[in-house]
Amino acid sequence: MKIQNNRKGETKSIAGFTPYHFFSKSGKGFTLLLAALVSSIVLAIGAAIYGIAIKELNLSSIGRDSQFAFYAADTAAECTLYNDINKQLFATNSPATFQVSCDGTVLNVSAVQNQSIVSGGSANYTVPGTFTFTPPAQYGTMTVTVNGGGGGGGGGSNGSTNGGNGSSGGSSSFDGTVIGNAGGAAGGGNKNGTTGANGSTGGGSGGSVNLGGGSPGGTGGNGVTGGGNGGLGGNGGQVTATYTSGLSATVTVVVGVGGGGGNSGGGAAQPGNGGSTGSVLISWTGGTPTWNSTVFSFQSEPNGICAITRFSKTLVSGSLRNLIHSDGSNVPCAATTTSPRALQRSVELSY
């Protein structure tokens, strides 16, 4: 079949033509596409608005819960402040447990005191010389025992020559006032067979004196061939003093030497033995504990929501510092560890 173009006088075959070639172009597809696009936009906007609404709702709920938690913390902190300043119930020397009242509710409070414990100790000086002792800053009772050095024993005689005399010991002292005197020197054995004289016993001053109670004197040497033995060196004196206070920041300690033994007269005769070195022995008991701080803690539930309060009184550079720290929650105390919506807010007061 053929058709003729009247304007140009052309003739064309209709073979290969489809119905599309005989009808004008339709606008229905574009309309459908536009409708789908608009619907998608509207749905997206609606979903966004819904999401924003849900977030606003959640934020509003969290804000409300946060206010409840702050309320609980602030209520407990203000109650603590009131009971401390107005009623003076939180004393630094409070018992381990006591009670306070908040809004008519009786609360159990625990109190823990922290103290510096001063322990006892000792210091012993047993070598001859002069030393410096620093007393502890705090102590209960200090006991000082001062022992004077013992005198030296006399030497023995060989029957033809007298034995030599020993030498005196040295005195010991504490703070220059507690003094243990030295033991005296012993005499040497006499060639006529007489035993040498014993050394004098040391005394002391500045405390409770024990004559001859200090360091022992040396023994005398044995004589031979009819010669006399050397005498015994005298024991040093012992003095004990007790202090509870009044010592200087530093104390001078002196330890006396033991006296030397006398020489023998010669031969098989024996020399005298030296006296023992003196000593200063110091010991002290622990002092009175010093208070550092007291920490109070209690739990409350204002209007059914939980608050846990910790209140500390601390000595800082000689001044008392008070710190109230209260943790509030939006749920009862029993639910603070189990509720998924539990949250915590804190309040601190320092003065």
Protein backbone atom coordinates (compact mmCIF):
# COMPACT_ATOMS: atom_id res chain seq x y z
CA MET A 1 0.00 0.00 0.00
CA LYS A 2 1.21 3.48 -0.82
CA ILE A 3 0.35 6.98 0.33
CA GLN A 4 0.87 10.16 -1.58
CA ASN A 5 2.26 13.42 -0.23
CA ASN A 6 -0.06 16.00 -1.73
CA ARG A 7 2.34 18.90 -1.20
CA LYS A 8 5.32 17.36 -2.83
CA GLY A 9 3.60 14.83 -5.01
CA GLU A 10 5.66 12.06 -3.48
CA THR A 11 4.46 8.57 -2.95
CA LYS A 12 5.69 6.44 -0.03
CA SER A 13 5.11 2.86 0.90
CA ILE A 14 3.56 2.20 4.33
CA ALA A 15 5.42 -1.02 4.70
CA GLY A 16 7.46 -0.91 7.96
CA PHE A 17 5.30 1.76 9.64
CA THR A 18 3.94 1.11 13.18
CA PRO A 19 0.82 2.54 14.80
CA TYR A 20 3.07 4.99 16.60
CA HIS A 21 3.65 6.76 13.26
CA PHE A 22 -0.07 7.47 12.86
CA PHE A 23 -0.82 9.08 16.30
CA SER A 24 0.53 12.25 18.03
CA LYS A 25 3.06 11.85 20.97
CA SER A 26 1.39 11.16 24.38
CA GLY A 27 2.22 13.18 27.70
CA LYS A 28 1.02 10.46 30.08
CA GLY A 29 4.51 9.01 30.83
CA PHE A 30 5.90 12.36 31.93
CA THR A 31 2.92 12.92 34.23
CA LEU A 32 3.44 9.53 35.86
CA LEU A 33 7.16 10.23 36.37
CA LEU A 34 6.44 13.61 37.91
CA ALA A 35 3.85 12.12 40.24
CA ALA A 36 6.31 9.45 41.41
CA LEU A 37 8.99 12.09 42.01
CA VAL A 38 6.66 14.32 44.02
CA SER A 39 5.46 11.35 46.06
CA SER A 40 9.05 10.39 46.89
CA ILE A 41 9.87 13.91 48.02
CA VAL A 42 6.75 14.10 50.17
CA LEU A 43 7.55 10.73 51.76
CA ALA A 44 11.16 11.79 52.44
CA ILE A 45 10.03 15.03 54.05
CA GLY A 46 7.46 13.18 56.12
CA ALA A 47 10.03 10.65 57.30
CA ALA A 48 12.43 13.47 58.22
CA ILE A 49 9.75 15.30 60.16
CA TYR A 50 8.86 12.08 61.97
CA GLY A 51 12.51 11.48 62.87
CA ILE A 52 12.86 15.04 64.17
CA ALA A 53 9.70 14.64 66.23
CA ILE A 54 10.99 11.41 67.77
CA LYS A 55 14.34 13.05 68.61
CA GLU A 56 12.59 16.03 70.16
CA LEU A 57 10.49 13.67 72.22
CA ASN A 58 13.58 11.77 73.39
CA LEU A 59 15.45 14.99 74.18
CA SER A 60 12.46 16.27 76.10
CA SER A 61 12.36 13.04 78.11
CA ILE A 62 16.11 13.18 78.81
CA GLY A 63 15.85 16.82 79.82
CA ARG A 64 13.07 16.00 82.26
CA ASP A 65 15.05 13.08 83.73
CA SER A 66 18.13 15.30 84.00
CA GLN A 67 16.13 17.87 85.95
CA PHE A 68 14.95 15.16 88.34
CA ALA A 69 18.55 14.00 88.89
CA PHE A 70 19.75 17.57 89.55
CA TYR A 71 16.84 18.06 91.93
CA ALA A 72 17.80 14.96 93.94
CA ALA A 73 21.48 15.95 94.11
CA ASP A 74 20.76 19.56 95.06
CA THR A 75 18.19 18.58 97.70
CA ALA A 76 20.66 16.22 99.41
CA ALA A 77 23.49 18.79 99.25
CA GLU A 78 21.33 21.57 100.71
CA CYS A 79 20.16 19.26 103.50
CA THR A 80 23.78 18.44 104.36
CA LEU A 81 24.72 22.13 104.39
CA TYR A 82 21.78 22.96 106.65
CA ASN A 83 22.58 20.19 109.15
CA ASP A 84 26.24 21.20 109.25
CA ILE A 85 25.92 24.97 109.61
CA ASN A 86 22.61 25.36 111.45
CA LYS A 87 22.58 22.21 113.57
CA GLN A 88 26.33 21.41 113.65
CA LEU A 89 25.63 17.69 113.41
CA PHE A 90 28.68 16.88 111.28
CA ALA A 91 31.45 17.20 113.89
CA THR A 92 35.02 16.16 113.12
CA ASN A 93 34.94 13.78 116.08
CA SER A 94 31.51 12.30 115.24
CA PRO A 95 30.84 8.65 116.14
CA ALA A 96 31.12 6.03 113.42
CA THR A 97 27.35 6.08 112.85
CA PHE A 98 24.70 8.67 113.70
CA GLN A 99 21.47 10.09 112.26
CA VAL A 100 20.32 13.32 110.63
CA SER A 101 16.91 14.41 109.36
CA CYS A 102 16.12 15.69 105.85
CA ASP A 103 12.55 16.85 105.13
CA GLY A 104 11.31 14.82 108.07
CA THR A 105 13.08 11.65 106.94
CA VAL A 106 15.67 10.18 109.32
CA LEU A 107 18.87 9.17 107.52
CA ASN A 108 21.72 6.96 108.75
CA VAL A 109 25.14 8.57 108.35
CA SER A 110 28.51 6.80 108.51
CA ALA A 111 31.65 8.69 109.52
CA VAL A 112 35.27 7.65 108.96
CA GLN A 113 38.12 9.56 110.62
CA ASN A 114 41.57 9.64 109.05
CA GLN A 115 44.46 10.21 111.44
CA SER A 116 48.24 10.36 111.25
CA ILE A 117 49.58 7.64 113.53
CA VAL A 118 52.93 8.38 115.16
CA SER A 119 54.73 5.12 115.89
CA GLY A 120 57.43 4.52 118.45
CA GLY A 121 61.11 3.94 117.74
CA SER A 122 64.63 3.83 119.10
CA ALA A 123 68.15 5.11 118.48
CA ASN A 124 71.22 3.51 120.07
CA TYR A 125 74.71 5.04 120.18
CA THR A 126 77.37 2.49 121.11
CA VAL A 127 80.52 3.76 119.39
CA PRO A 128 82.75 6.31 121.14
CA GLY A 129 82.35 9.83 119.79
CA THR A 130 80.06 12.85 119.59
CA PHE A 131 76.80 12.65 117.63
CA THR A 132 73.64 14.65 116.87
CA PHE A 133 70.23 13.16 117.59
CA THR A 134 67.05 14.60 116.06
CA PRO A 135 64.01 13.82 118.23
CA PRO A 136 60.80 12.84 116.39
CA ALA A 137 58.31 15.64 115.85
CA GLN A 138 55.77 13.82 118.01
CA TYR A 139 56.15 11.13 120.60
CA GLY A 140 54.45 9.92 123.74
CA THR A 141 57.26 9.23 126.20
CA MET A 142 60.99 9.20 125.46
CA THR A 143 63.35 7.26 127.73
CA VAL A 144 67.10 7.85 127.63
CA THR A 145 69.64 5.58 129.32
CA VAL A 146 73.22 6.91 129.53
CA ASN A 147 76.05 4.51 130.44
CA GLY A 148 79.52 5.80 131.29
CA GLY A 149 82.56 3.95 129.96
CA GLY A 150 84.20 1.33 132.22
CA GLY A 151 87.70 1.81 133.63
CA GLY A 152 90.65 -0.31 132.53
CA GLY A 153 91.99 -3.18 134.67
CA GLY A 154 95.49 -3.13 136.14
CA GLY A 155 98.36 -5.23 134.80
CA GLY A 156 99.78 -8.21 136.73
CA SER A 157 103.26 -8.18 138.32
CA ASN A 158 106.03 -10.64 137.49
CA GLY A 159 107.36 -10.60 141.04
CA SER A 160 110.13 -8.14 140.35
CA THR A 161 108.26 -5.34 138.57
CA ASN A 162 104.88 -3.87 139.45
CA GLY A 163 102.10 -4.16 136.91
CA GLY A 164 100.93 -0.96 135.18
CA ASN A 165 97.81 0.91 136.17
CA GLY A 166 94.75 0.94 133.89
CA SER A 167 93.20 4.18 132.60
CA SER A 168 89.83 5.68 133.41
CA GLY A 169 86.89 5.37 131.01
CA GLY A 170 85.09 8.29 129.40
CA SER A 171 81.83 9.86 130.53
CA SER A 172 78.72 9.66 128.32
CA SER A 173 75.97 12.28 128.07
CA PHE A 174 72.67 13.24 126.44
CA ASP A 175 71.81 16.89 125.74
CA GLY A 176 74.65 17.91 128.08
CA THR A 177 72.44 17.38 131.13
CA VAL A 178 72.06 13.62 131.52
CA ILE A 179 75.55 12.37 132.36
CA GLY A 180 76.84 8.89 133.14
CA ASN A 181 80.26 9.22 134.72
CA ALA A 182 83.18 7.00 133.79
CA GLY A 183 84.50 4.08 135.81
CA GLY A 184 87.85 4.65 137.49
CA ALA A 185 91.20 3.10 136.57
CA ALA A 186 92.49 0.05 138.44
CA GLY A 187 95.94 -0.21 139.96
CA GLY A 188 98.59 -2.65 138.78
CA GLY A 189 99.63 -5.71 140.77
CA ASN A 190 102.44 -5.14 143.26
CA LYS A 191 105.71 -7.06 143.02
CA ASN A 192 105.36 -8.01 146.67
CA GLY A 193 102.26 -9.99 145.77
CA THR A 194 99.62 -7.41 146.65
CA THR A 195 96.66 -7.11 144.25
CA GLY A 196 96.25 -3.71 142.67
CA ALA A 197 93.48 -1.38 143.82
CA ASN A 198 90.13 -1.58 142.05
CA GLY A 199 88.89 1.43 140.10
CA SER A 200 86.17 3.66 141.49
CA THR A 201 82.53 3.15 140.52
CA GLY A 202 81.00 5.78 138.26
CA GLY A 203 77.99 7.84 139.26
CA GLY A 204 76.00 10.38 137.27
CA SER A 205 73.51 13.23 137.19
CA GLY A 206 70.43 14.55 135.39
CA GLY A 207 68.12 11.62 136.07
CA SER A 208 67.69 8.43 138.01
CA VAL A 209 71.26 7.39 138.93
CA ASN A 210 72.39 3.77 139.20
CA LEU A 211 75.91 3.72 140.66
CA GLY A 212 78.11 1.33 138.73
CA GLY A 213 75.20 0.30 136.52
CA GLY A 214 76.90 1.47 133.34
CA SER A 215 79.48 -0.22 131.16
CA PRO A 216 81.67 -2.72 133.06
CA GLY A 217 85.33 -2.11 133.87
CA GLY A 218 88.13 -4.34 132.64
CA THR A 219 89.51 -7.26 134.64
CA GLY A 220 93.06 -7.16 136.02
CA GLY A 221 95.93 -9.17 134.62
CA ASN A 222 97.30 -12.16 136.54
CA GLY A 223 100.65 -11.83 138.25
CA VAL A 224 103.36 -14.54 138.31
CA THR A 225 106.33 -15.57 140.45
CA GLY A 226 104.78 -14.14 143.56
CA GLY A 227 103.70 -10.89 141.88
CA GLY A 228 100.24 -9.48 142.56
CA ASN A 229 97.29 -9.44 140.18
CA GLY A 230 96.03 -6.22 138.67
CA GLY A 231 92.94 -4.58 140.14
CA LEU A 232 89.47 -4.43 138.49
CA GLY A 233 88.49 -1.36 136.51
CA GLY A 234 85.50 0.51 137.88
CA ASN A 235 82.09 0.21 136.19
CA GLY A 236 80.70 3.35 134.60
CA GLY A 237 77.69 5.08 136.08
CA GLN A 238 74.19 4.76 134.60
CA VAL A 239 71.56 7.50 134.46
CA THR A 240 67.99 7.17 133.12
CA ALA A 241 65.85 10.18 132.17
CA THR A 242 62.31 10.42 130.80
CA TYR A 243 60.87 13.13 128.52
CA THR A 244 57.39 13.96 127.29
CA SER A 245 58.37 17.29 125.72
CA GLY A 246 60.88 20.11 125.96
CA LEU A 247 63.71 18.72 123.85
CA SER A 248 65.52 20.90 121.35
CA ALA A 249 65.30 20.32 117.62
CA THR A 250 68.69 18.61 117.81
CA VAL A 251 70.43 17.02 120.79
CA THR A 252 74.14 16.36 121.28
CA VAL A 253 75.01 12.80 122.26
CA VAL A 254 78.44 11.83 123.66
CA VAL A 255 79.58 8.21 124.07
CA GLY A 256 82.54 7.67 126.39
CA VAL A 257 85.42 5.32 125.64
CA GLY A 258 86.35 2.31 127.74
CA GLY A 259 89.54 2.79 129.74
CA GLY A 260 92.68 0.96 128.61
CA GLY A 261 94.17 -1.95 130.57
CA GLY A 262 97.49 -1.58 132.39
CA ASN A 263 100.70 -3.18 131.13
CA SER A 264 102.08 -6.29 132.80
CA GLY A 265 105.25 -6.27 134.85
CA GLY A 266 106.88 -8.42 132.19
CA GLY A 267 107.55 -12.06 131.60
CA ALA A 268 104.53 -14.31 131.88
CA ALA A 269 102.52 -11.74 133.81
CA GLN A 270 99.32 -10.66 132.02
CA PRO A 271 98.28 -7.11 131.12
CA GLY A 272 95.00 -5.71 132.36
CA ASN A 273 91.88 -5.77 130.16
CA GLY A 274 90.27 -2.60 128.87
CA GLY A 275 86.91 -1.36 130.12
CA SER A 276 83.79 -1.50 127.94
CA THR A 277 82.73 1.44 125.82
CA GLY A 278 79.88 3.58 127.15
CA SER A 279 76.55 3.97 125.37
CA VAL A 280 73.46 6.16 125.02
CA LEU A 281 70.23 4.22 124.43
CA ILE A 282 67.10 6.13 123.37
CA SER A 283 63.58 4.77 122.91
CA TRP A 284 60.18 6.44 122.53
CA THR A 285 56.55 5.49 122.34
CA GLY A 286 54.10 6.64 119.70
CA GLY A 287 52.52 10.05 120.02
CA THR A 288 48.88 11.03 120.09
CA PRO A 289 47.25 10.46 116.66
CA THR A 290 46.76 13.67 114.68
CA TRP A 291 43.38 14.25 113.04
CA ASN A 292 43.53 14.83 109.27
CA SER A 293 39.97 14.46 107.99
CA THR A 294 36.51 13.02 108.57
CA VAL A 295 34.40 11.69 105.69
CA PHE A 296 30.63 11.35 106.07
CA SER A 297 28.40 9.42 103.66
CA PHE A 298 24.68 8.71 103.46
CA GLN A 299 21.92 7.80 101.00
CA SER A 300 18.56 9.54 100.63
CA GLU A 301 15.52 9.45 98.33
CA PRO A 302 13.89 12.89 98.06
CA ASN A 303 10.46 12.37 96.46
CA GLY A 304 11.37 8.78 95.67
CA ILE A 305 14.51 9.41 93.57
CA CYS A 306 18.01 8.50 94.67
CA ALA A 307 20.79 10.74 96.02
CA ILE A 308 24.13 9.58 97.43
CA THR A 309 26.09 12.18 99.40
CA ARG A 310 29.75 12.29 100.47
CA PHE A 311 30.79 15.11 102.81
CA SER A 312 34.44 15.60 103.80
CA LYS A 313 36.01 17.86 106.42
CA THR A 314 39.75 18.10 105.82
CA LEU A 315 42.59 19.97 107.53
CA VAL A 316 44.53 21.81 104.80
CA SER A 317 47.52 23.93 105.91
CA GLY A 318 45.95 24.42 109.31
CA SER A 319 42.53 25.44 107.94
CA LEU A 320 39.34 23.38 107.79
CA ARG A 321 38.03 22.74 104.27
CA ASN A 322 34.48 21.44 103.76
CA LEU A 323 33.39 19.73 100.54
CA ILE A 324 29.88 18.36 99.91
CA HIS A 325 29.51 16.12 96.84
CA SER A 326 26.08 14.72 96.03
CA ASP A 327 25.22 12.39 93.11
CA GLY A 328 21.54 12.50 92.16
CA SER A 329 19.60 10.08 89.95
CA ASN A 330 16.24 10.14 88.18
CA VAL A 331 15.16 6.75 89.54
CA PRO A 332 14.90 5.15 93.00
CA CYS A 333 18.13 3.89 94.56
CA ALA A 334 17.15 0.27 93.96
CA ALA A 335 16.94 0.92 90.20
CA THR A 336 20.13 2.92 89.62
CA THR A 337 22.03 -0.14 88.38
CA THR A 338 19.18 -1.88 86.58
CA SER A 339 17.04 0.78 84.89
CA PRO A 340 18.01 1.55 81.24
CA ARG A 341 16.88 5.15 81.65
CA ALA A 342 18.86 5.81 84.84
CA LEU A 343 21.22 8.79 84.64
CA GLN A 344 23.29 10.74 87.17
CA ARG A 345 23.90 14.42 87.83
CA SER A 346 26.20 15.85 90.52
CA VAL A 347 26.27 18.92 92.75
CA GLU A 348 29.28 20.14 94.80
CA LEU A 349 29.42 22.76 97.55
CA SER A 350 32.76 23.93 98.94
CA TYR A 351 33.25 26.29 101.87
